[in-house]
């Protein structure tokens, strides 16, 4: 309700300074565990024929923002490059 339409929607998710969220370390740890498990359990493949661009979006900042891209999560045992099949 406090976000204005058309404005930059980036925000500090956990706040900063004296009012930083007390649950930030736990949330970051949980995010790390979930992403690690996803990467261990699935193979990430491009959603189409073209690979995503590795060139960052042009803007003035210390942090580079990469161009958005979509991936497919392939379960183990599917496709030609699964570990149980010969190549």
PDB file of N, CA and C in Angstrom:
ATOM      1  N   UNK A   1       0.808  -1.203   0.000  1.00  0.00           N
ATOM      2  CA  UNK A   1       0.000   0.000   0.000  1.00  0.00           C
ATOM      3  C   UNK A   1       0.846   1.260   0.000  1.00  0.00           C
ATOM      4  N   UNK A   2       2.133   1.117   0.359  1.00  0.00           N
ATOM      5  CA  UNK A   2       3.003   2.278   0.388  1.00  0.00           C
ATOM      6  C   UNK A   2       3.818   2.422  -0.890  1.00  0.00           C
ATOM      7  N   UNK A   3       3.743   1.435  -1.788  1.00  0.00           N
ATOM      8  CA  UNK A   3       4.501   1.504  -3.032  1.00  0.00           C
ATOM      9  C   UNK A   3       3.727   2.318  -4.051  1.00  0.00           C
ATOM     10  N   UNK A   4       4.405   3.233  -4.681  1.00  0.00           N
ATOM     11  CA  UNK A   4       3.772   4.061  -5.692  1.00  0.00           C
ATOM     12  C   UNK A   4       3.921   3.400  -7.055  1.00  0.00           C
ATOM     13  N   UNK A   5       2.848   3.342  -7.865  1.00  0.00           N
ATOM     14  CA  UNK A   5       2.959   2.740  -9.193  1.00  0.00           C
ATOM     15  C   UNK A   5       3.933   3.531 -10.066  1.00  0.00           C
ATOM     16  N   UNK A   6       4.703   2.801 -10.865  1.00  0.00           N
ATOM     17  CA  UNK A   6       5.644   3.434 -11.767  1.00  0.00           C
ATOM     18  C   UNK A   6       6.983   3.771 -11.138  1.00  0.00           C
ATOM     19  N   UNK A   7       7.103   3.638  -9.840  1.00  0.00           N
ATOM     20  CA  UNK A   7       8.377   3.916  -9.171  1.00  0.00           C
ATOM     21  C   UNK A   7       9.222   2.650  -9.156  1.00  0.00           C
ATOM     22  N   UNK A   8      10.497   2.797  -8.876  1.00  0.00           N
ATOM     23  CA  UNK A   8      11.402   1.657  -8.762  1.00  0.00           C
ATOM     24  C   UNK A   8      10.961   0.800  -7.578  1.00  0.00           C
ATOM     25  N   UNK A   9      10.677  -0.473  -7.823  1.00  0.00           N
ATOM     26  CA  UNK A   9      10.132  -1.338  -6.774  1.00  0.00           C
ATOM     27  C   UNK A   9      11.208  -2.046  -5.963  1.00  0.00           C
ATOM     28  N   UNK A  10      12.481  -1.724  -6.174  1.00  0.00           N
ATOM     29  CA  UNK A  10      13.536  -2.347  -5.383  1.00  0.00           C
ATOM     30  C   UNK A  10      13.475  -1.817  -3.957  1.00  0.00           C
ATOM     31  N   UNK A  11      13.658  -2.717  -3.018  1.00  0.00           N
ATOM     32  CA  UNK A  11      13.639  -2.324  -1.614  1.00  0.00           C
ATOM     33  C   UNK A  11      14.621  -3.199  -0.852  1.00  0.00           C
ATOM     34  N   UNK A  12      14.990  -2.762   0.315  1.00  0.00           N
ATOM     35  CA  UNK A  12      15.829  -3.582   1.179  1.00  0.00           C
ATOM     36  C   UNK A  12      14.920  -4.592   1.864  1.00  0.00           C
ATOM     37  N   UNK A  13      15.079  -5.850   1.540  1.00  0.00           N
ATOM     38  CA  UNK A  13      14.167  -6.876   2.037  1.00  0.00           C
ATOM     39  C   UNK A  13      14.198  -7.013   3.550  1.00  0.00           C
ATOM     40  N   UNK A  14      15.337  -6.819   4.165  1.00  0.00           N
ATOM     41  CA  UNK A  14      15.465  -7.024   5.604  1.00  0.00           C
ATOM     42  C   UNK A  14      15.709  -5.723   6.359  1.00  0.00           C
ATOM     43  N   UNK A  15      15.606  -4.604   5.692  1.00  0.00           N
ATOM     44  CA  UNK A  15      15.901  -3.339   6.339  1.00  0.00           C
ATOM     45  C   UNK A  15      17.397  -3.152   6.489  1.00  0.00           C
ATOM     46  N   UNK A  16      17.787  -2.136   7.234  1.00  0.00           N
ATOM     47  CA  UNK A  16      19.208  -1.910   7.470  1.00  0.00           C
ATOM     48  C   UNK A  16      19.392  -1.087   8.732  1.00  0.00           C
ATOM     49  N   UNK A  17      20.598  -1.085   9.209  1.00  0.00           N
ATOM     50  CA  UNK A  17      20.923  -0.288  10.382  1.00  0.00           C
ATOM     51  C   UNK A  17      20.327  -0.845  11.661  1.00  0.00           C
ATOM     52  N   UNK A  18      19.875   0.054  12.531  1.00  0.00           N
ATOM     53  CA  UNK A  18      19.351  -0.346  13.842  1.00  0.00           C
ATOM     54  C   UNK A  18      18.040  -1.116  13.725  1.00  0.00           C
ATOM     55  N   UNK A  19      17.333  -0.972  12.636  1.00  0.00           N
ATOM     56  CA  UNK A  19      16.034  -1.635  12.478  1.00  0.00           C
ATOM     57  C   UNK A  19      16.095  -2.843  11.541  1.00  0.00           C
ATOM     58  N   UNK A  20      17.256  -3.443  11.429  1.00  0.00           N
ATOM     59  CA  UNK A  20      17.401  -4.619  10.571  1.00  0.00           C
ATOM     60  C   UNK A  20      16.577  -5.772  11.149  1.00  0.00           C
ATOM     61  N   UNK A  21      16.027  -6.584  10.287  1.00  0.00           N
ATOM     62  CA  UNK A  21      15.207  -7.729  10.695  1.00  0.00           C
ATOM     63  C   UNK A  21      16.054  -8.734  11.475  1.00  0.00           C
ATOM     64  N   UNK A  22      15.551  -9.175  12.627  1.00  0.00           N
ATOM     65  CA  UNK A  22      16.290 -10.139  13.444  1.00  0.00           C
ATOM     66  C   UNK A  22      16.356 -11.517  12.784  1.00  0.00           C
ATOM     67  N   UNK A  23      15.426 -11.810  11.893  1.00  0.00           N
ATOM     68  CA  UNK A  23      15.400 -13.112  11.233  1.00  0.00           C
ATOM     69  C   UNK A  23      16.230 -13.187   9.965  1.00  0.00           C
ATOM     70  N   UNK A  24      16.952 -12.112   9.629  1.00  0.00           N
ATOM     71  CA  UNK A  24      17.733 -12.093   8.391  1.00  0.00           C
ATOM     72  C   UNK A  24      18.738 -13.234   8.300  1.00  0.00           C
ATOM     73  N   UNK A  25      19.567 -13.506   9.316  1.00  0.00           N
ATOM     74  CA  UNK A  25      20.529 -14.609   9.186  1.00  0.00           C
ATOM     75  C   UNK A  25      19.851 -15.963   8.962  1.00  0.00           C
ATOM     76  N   UNK A  26      18.743 -16.209   9.647  1.00  0.00           N
ATOM     77  CA  UNK A  26      18.029 -17.473   9.466  1.00  0.00           C
ATOM     78  C   UNK A  26      17.431 -17.561   8.064  1.00  0.00           C
ATOM     79  N   UNK A  27      16.844 -16.476   7.576  1.00  0.00           N
ATOM     80  CA  UNK A  27      16.254 -16.473   6.236  1.00  0.00           C
ATOM     81  C   UNK A  27      17.315 -16.706   5.168  1.00  0.00           C
ATOM     82  N   UNK A  28      18.469 -16.087   5.315  1.00  0.00           N
ATOM     83  CA  UNK A  28      19.551 -16.283   4.340  1.00  0.00           C
ATOM     84  C   UNK A  28      20.074 -17.716   4.380  1.00  0.00           C
ATOM     85  N   UNK A  29      20.189 -18.284   5.573  1.00  0.00           N
ATOM     86  CA  UNK A  29      20.630 -19.669   5.707  1.00  0.00           C
ATOM     87  C   UNK A  29      19.625 -20.621   5.065  1.00  0.00           C
ATOM     88  N   UNK A  30      18.334 -20.405   5.315  1.00  0.00           N
ATOM     89  CA  UNK A  30      17.302 -21.251   4.711  1.00  0.00           C
ATOM     90  C   UNK A  30      17.307 -21.131   3.191  1.00  0.00           C
ATOM     91  N   UNK A  31      17.479 -19.920   2.679  1.00  0.00           N
ATOM     92  CA  UNK A  31      17.543 -19.722   1.230  1.00  0.00           C
ATOM     93  C   UNK A  31      18.729 -20.460   0.636  1.00  0.00           C
ATOM     94  N   UNK A  32      19.874 -20.402   1.303  1.00  0.00           N
ATOM     95  CA  UNK A  32      21.061 -21.116   0.844  1.00  0.00           C
ATOM     96  C   UNK A  32      20.803 -22.619   0.807  1.00  0.00           C
ATOM     97  N   UNK A  33      20.179 -23.168   1.852  1.00  0.00           N
ATOM     98  CA  UNK A  33      19.903 -24.608   1.914  1.00  0.00           C
ATOM     99  C   UNK A  33      18.935 -25.018   0.803  1.00  0.00           C
ATOM    100  N   UNK A  34      17.875 -24.250   0.600  1.00  0.00           N
ATOM    101  CA  UNK A  34      16.881 -24.585  -0.429  1.00  0.00           C
ATOM    102  C   UNK A  34      17.506 -24.532  -1.822  1.00  0.00           C
ATOM    103  N   UNK A  35      18.256 -23.474  -2.123  1.00  0.00           N
ATOM    104  CA  UNK A  35      18.879 -23.372  -3.445  1.00  0.00           C
ATOM    105  C   UNK A  35      19.928 -24.456  -3.661  1.00  0.00           C
ATOM    106  N   UNK A  36      20.680 -24.792  -2.616  1.00  0.00           N
ATOM    107  CA  UNK A  36      21.670 -25.861  -2.728  1.00  0.00           C
ATOM    108  C   UNK A  36      20.997 -27.190  -3.024  1.00  0.00           C
ATOM    109  N   UNK A  37      19.901 -27.488  -2.340  1.00  0.00           N
ATOM    110  CA  UNK A  37      19.173 -28.741  -2.580  1.00  0.00           C
ATOM    111  C   UNK A  37      18.597 -28.779  -3.997  1.00  0.00           C
ATOM    112  N   UNK A  38      18.078 -27.652  -4.483  1.00  0.00           N
ATOM    113  CA  UNK A  38      17.560 -27.612  -5.853  1.00  0.00           C
ATOM    114  C   UNK A  38      18.664 -27.886  -6.865  1.00  0.00           C
ATOM    115  N   UNK A  39      19.822 -27.268  -6.662  1.00  0.00           N
ATOM    116  CA  UNK A  39      20.930 -27.473  -7.591  1.00  0.00           C
ATOM    117  C   UNK A  39      21.469 -28.895  -7.520  1.00  0.00           C
ATOM    118  N   UNK A  40      21.391 -29.537  -6.360  1.00  0.00           N
ATOM    119  CA  UNK A  40      21.834 -30.923  -6.230  1.00  0.00           C
ATOM    120  C   UNK A  40      20.832 -31.886  -6.853  1.00  0.00           C
ATOM    121  N   UNK A  41      19.551 -31.560  -6.773  1.00  0.00           N
ATOM    122  CA  UNK A  41      18.512 -32.490  -7.199  1.00  0.00           C
ATOM    123  C   UNK A  41      18.162 -32.384  -8.680  1.00  0.00           C
ATOM    124  N   UNK A  42      18.436 -31.258  -9.307  1.00  0.00           N
ATOM    125  CA  UNK A  42      18.018 -31.046 -10.685  1.00  0.00           C
ATOM    126  C   UNK A  42      19.184 -30.557 -11.530  1.00  0.00           C
ATOM    127  N   UNK A  43      19.048 -30.740 -12.841  1.00  0.00           N
ATOM    128  CA  UNK A  43      19.965 -30.153 -13.804  1.00  0.00           C
ATOM    129  C   UNK A  43      19.283 -28.927 -14.387  1.00  0.00           C
ATOM    130  N   UNK A  44      19.963 -27.794 -14.395  1.00  0.00           N
ATOM    131  CA  UNK A  44      19.405 -26.575 -14.962  1.00  0.00           C
ATOM    132  C   UNK A  44      19.737 -26.517 -16.445  1.00  0.00           C
ATOM    133  N   UNK A  45      18.714 -26.349 -17.269  1.00  0.00           N
ATOM    134  CA  UNK A  45      18.866 -26.272 -18.720  1.00  0.00           C
ATOM    135  C   UNK A  45      18.191 -25.007 -19.229  1.00  0.00           C
ATOM    136  N   UNK A  46      18.664 -24.435 -20.342  1.00  0.00           N
ATOM    137  CA  UNK A  46      17.968 -23.271 -20.898  1.00  0.00           C
ATOM    138  C   UNK A  46      16.575 -23.673 -21.350  1.00  0.00           C
ATOM    139  N   UNK A  47      15.615 -22.752 -21.226  1.00  0.00           N
ATOM    140  CA  UNK A  47      14.237 -23.082 -21.575  1.00  0.00           C
ATOM    141  C   UNK A  47      14.023 -23.141 -23.081  1.00  0.00           C
ATOM    142  N   UNK A  48      14.862 -22.484 -23.853  1.00  0.00           N
ATOM    143  CA  UNK A  48      14.737 -22.510 -25.310  1.00  0.00           C
ATOM    144  C   UNK A  48      16.032 -22.957 -25.945  1.00  0.00           C
ATOM    145  N   UNK A  49      16.178 -22.680 -27.230  1.00  0.00           N
ATOM    146  CA  UNK A  49      17.393 -23.059 -27.940  1.00  0.00           C
ATOM    147  C   UNK A  49      18.555 -22.113 -27.653  1.00  0.00           C
ATOM    148  N   UNK A  50      18.246 -20.848 -27.403  1.00  0.00           N
ATOM    149  CA  UNK A  50      19.299 -19.851 -27.203  1.00  0.00           C
ATOM    150  C   UNK A  50      19.749 -19.828 -25.744  1.00  0.00           C
ATOM    151  N   UNK A  51      21.048 -19.678 -25.542  1.00  0.00           N
ATOM    152  CA  UNK A  51      21.588 -19.533 -24.196  1.00  0.00           C
ATOM    153  C   UNK A  51      21.401 -18.093 -23.729  1.00  0.00           C
ATOM    154  N   UNK A  52      21.294 -17.868 -22.426  1.00  0.00           N
ATOM    155  CA  UNK A  52      21.113 -16.499 -21.941  1.00  0.00           C
ATOM    156  C   UNK A  52      22.362 -15.653 -22.175  1.00  0.00           C
ATOM    157  N   UNK A  53      22.158 -14.361 -22.334  1.00  0.00           N
ATOM    158  CA  UNK A  53      23.272 -13.434 -22.514  1.00  0.00           C
ATOM    159  C   UNK A  53      23.998 -13.252 -21.186  1.00  0.00           C
ATOM    160  N   UNK A  54      25.319 -13.220 -21.233  1.00  0.00           N
ATOM    161  CA  UNK A  54      26.115 -13.011 -20.030  1.00  0.00           C
ATOM    162  C   UNK A  54      26.531 -11.552 -19.869  1.00  0.00           C
ATOM    163  N   UNK A  55      26.032 -10.680 -20.727  1.00  0.00           N
ATOM    164  CA  UNK A  55      26.346  -9.260 -20.638  1.00  0.00           C
ATOM    165  C   UNK A  55      25.412  -8.597 -19.626  1.00  0.00           C
ATOM    166  N   UNK A  56      25.957  -7.846 -18.672  1.00  0.00           N
ATOM    167  CA  UNK A  56      25.093  -7.177 -17.694  1.00  0.00           C
ATOM    168  C   UNK A  56      24.304  -6.049 -18.340  1.00  0.00           C
ATOM    169  N   UNK A  57      23.189  -5.707 -17.727  1.00  0.00           N
ATOM    170  CA  UNK A  57      22.396  -4.584 -18.204  1.00  0.00           C
ATOM    171  C   UNK A  57      23.157  -3.288 -17.925  1.00  0.00           C
ATOM    172  N   UNK A  58      23.136  -2.347 -18.868  1.00  0.00           N
ATOM    173  CA  UNK A  58      23.895  -1.105 -18.660  1.00  0.00           C
ATOM    174  C   UNK A  58      23.168  -0.171 -17.689  1.00  0.00           C
ATOM    175  N   UNK A  59      23.785   0.122 -16.566  1.00  0.00           N
ATOM    176  CA  UNK A  59      23.321   1.151 -15.643  1.00  0.00           C
ATOM    177  C   UNK A  59      24.454   1.493 -14.683  1.00  0.00           C
ATOM    178  N   UNK A  60      24.376   2.636 -14.093  1.00  0.00           N
ATOM    179  CA  UNK A  60      25.445   3.099 -13.203  1.00  0.00           C
ATOM    180  C   UNK A  60      25.200   2.588 -11.791  1.00  0.00           C
ATOM    181  N   UNK A  61      25.983   1.633 -11.381  1.00  0.00           N
ATOM    182  CA  UNK A  61      25.860   1.090 -10.032  1.00  0.00           C
ATOM    183  C   UNK A  61      27.077   0.242  -9.735  1.00  0.00           C
ATOM    184  N   UNK A  62      27.295  -0.029  -8.478  1.00  0.00           N
ATOM    185  CA  UNK A  62      28.387  -0.913  -8.083  1.00  0.00           C
ATOM    186  C   UNK A  62      28.002  -2.358  -8.362  1.00  0.00           C
ATOM    187  N   UNK A  63      26.730  -2.683  -8.181  1.00  0.00           N
ATOM    188  CA  UNK A  63      26.237  -4.043  -8.379  1.00  0.00           C
ATOM    189  C   UNK A  63      25.746  -4.192  -9.815  1.00  0.00           C
ATOM    190  N   UNK A  64      26.218  -5.225 -10.511  1.00  0.00           N
ATOM    191  CA  UNK A  64      25.774  -5.473 -11.879  1.00  0.00           C
ATOM    192  C   UNK A  64      24.466  -6.240 -11.860  1.00  0.00           C
ATOM    193  N   UNK A  65      23.550  -5.875 -12.714  1.00  0.00           N
ATOM    194  CA  UNK A  65      22.281  -6.581 -12.834  1.00  0.00           C
ATOM    195  C   UNK A  65      22.303  -7.360 -14.141  1.00  0.00           C
ATOM    196  N   UNK A  66      22.138  -8.669 -14.050  1.00  0.00           N
ATOM    197  CA  UNK A  66      22.161  -9.507 -15.242  1.00  0.00           C
ATOM    198  C   UNK A  66      20.803  -9.473 -15.940  1.00  0.00           C
ATOM    199  N   UNK A  67      20.818  -9.783 -17.216  1.00  0.00           N
ATOM    200  CA  UNK A  67      19.581  -9.832 -17.972  1.00  0.00           C
ATOM    201  C   UNK A  67      18.764 -11.043 -17.529  1.00  0.00           C
ATOM    202  N   UNK A  68      17.443 -10.914 -17.460  1.00  0.00           N
ATOM    203  CA  UNK A  68      16.618 -12.040 -17.019  1.00  0.00           C
ATOM    204  C   UNK A  68      16.657 -13.184 -18.029  1.00  0.00           C
ATOM    205  N   UNK A  69      16.527 -14.405 -17.530  1.00  0.00           N
ATOM    206  CA  UNK A  69      16.468 -15.584 -18.388  1.00  0.00           C
ATOM    207  C   UNK A  69      15.680 -16.672 -17.669  1.00  0.00           C
ATOM    208  N   UNK A  70      15.181 -17.617 -18.438  1.00  0.00           N
ATOM    209  CA  UNK A  70      14.394 -18.713 -17.883  1.00  0.00           C
ATOM    210  C   UNK A  70      15.167 -20.011 -18.034  1.00  0.00           C
ATOM    211  N   UNK A  71      14.991 -20.912 -17.075  1.00  0.00           N
ATOM    212  CA  UNK A  71      15.629 -22.220 -17.115  1.00  0.00           C
ATOM    213  C   UNK A  71      14.583 -23.302 -16.885  1.00  0.00           C
ATOM    214  N   UNK A  72      14.923 -24.508 -17.298  1.00  0.00           N
ATOM    215  CA  UNK A  72      14.114 -25.693 -17.008  1.00  0.00           C
ATOM    216  C   UNK A  72      14.848 -26.503 -15.957  1.00  0.00           C
ATOM    217  N   UNK A  73      14.120 -27.059 -15.015  1.00  0.00           N
ATOM    218  CA  UNK A  73      14.701 -27.968 -14.035  1.00  0.00           C
ATOM    219  C   UNK A  73      14.441 -29.384 -14.516  1.00  0.00           C
ATOM    220  N   UNK A  74      15.496 -30.111 -14.810  1.00  0.00           N
ATOM    221  CA  UNK A  74      15.361 -31.481 -15.303  1.00  0.00           C
ATOM    222  C   UNK A  74      15.666 -32.450 -14.165  1.00  0.00           C
ATOM    223  N   UNK A  75      14.702 -33.325 -13.833  1.00  0.00           N
ATOM    224  CA  UNK A  75      14.953 -34.307 -12.773  1.00  0.00           C
ATOM    225  C   UNK A  75      16.027 -35.304 -13.194  1.00  0.00           C
ATOM    226  N   UNK A  76      16.686 -35.952 -12.244  1.00  0.00           N
ATOM    227  CA  UNK A  76      17.706 -36.945 -12.595  1.00  0.00           C
ATOM    228  C   UNK A  76      17.098 -38.110 -13.370  1.00  0.00           C
ATOM    229  N   UNK A  77      17.890 -38.678 -14.270  1.00  0.00           N
ATOM    230  CA  UNK A  77      17.432 -39.820 -15.051  1.00  0.00           C
ATOM    231  C   UNK A  77      16.662 -39.448 -16.299  1.00  0.00           C
ATOM    232  N   UNK A  78      16.559 -38.166 -16.613  1.00  0.00           N
ATOM    233  CA  UNK A  78      15.830 -37.721 -17.801  1.00  0.00           C
ATOM    234  C   UNK A  78      16.823 -37.151 -18.804  1.00  0.00           C
ATOM    235  N   UNK A  79      16.625 -37.412 -20.070  1.00  0.00           N
ATOM    236  CA  UNK A  79      17.455 -36.804 -21.104  1.00  0.00           C
ATOM    237  C   UNK A  79      18.685 -37.616 -21.439  1.00  0.00           C
ATOM    238  N   UNK A  80      19.427 -37.130 -22.425  1.00  0.00           N
ATOM    239  CA  UNK A  80      20.575 -37.871 -22.959  1.00  0.00           C
ATOM    240  C   UNK A  80      21.808 -37.788 -22.074  1.00  0.00           C
ATOM    241  N   UNK A  81      21.894 -36.799 -21.205  1.00  0.00           N
ATOM    242  CA  UNK A  81      23.104 -36.615 -20.409  1.00  0.00           C
ATOM    243  C   UNK A  81      22.908 -37.010 -18.958  1.00  0.00           C
ATOM    244  N   UNK A  82      22.027 -37.949 -18.691  1.00  0.00           N
ATOM    245  CA  UNK A  82      21.856 -38.377 -17.304  1.00  0.00           C
ATOM    246  C   UNK A  82      23.023 -39.265 -16.900  1.00  0.00           C
ATOM    247  N   UNK A  83      23.383 -39.300 -15.622  1.00  0.00           N
ATOM    248  CA  UNK A  83      24.579 -40.017 -15.183  1.00  0.00           C
ATOM    249  C   UNK A  83      24.564 -41.512 -15.480  1.00  0.00           C
ATOM    250  N   UNK A  84      23.408 -42.142 -15.565  1.00  0.00           N
ATOM    251  CA  UNK A  84      23.350 -43.584 -15.769  1.00  0.00           C
ATOM    252  C   UNK A  84      23.482 -44.025 -17.214  1.00  0.00           C
ATOM    253  N   UNK A  85      23.511 -43.095 -18.154  1.00  0.00           N
ATOM    254  CA  UNK A  85      23.566 -43.449 -19.570  1.00  0.00           C
ATOM    255  C   UNK A  85      24.937 -43.145 -20.142  1.00  0.00           C
ATOM    256  N   UNK A  86      25.348 -43.947 -21.112  1.00  0.00           N
ATOM    257  CA  UNK A  86      26.625 -43.682 -21.785  1.00  0.00           C
ATOM    258  C   UNK A  86      26.415 -42.629 -22.855  1.00  0.00           C
ATOM    259  N   UNK A  87      27.468 -41.883 -23.145  1.00  0.00           N
ATOM    260  CA  UNK A  87      27.355 -40.813 -24.142  1.00  0.00           C
ATOM    261  C   UNK A  87      27.929 -41.231 -25.456  1.00  0.00           C
TER     262      UNK A  87
END
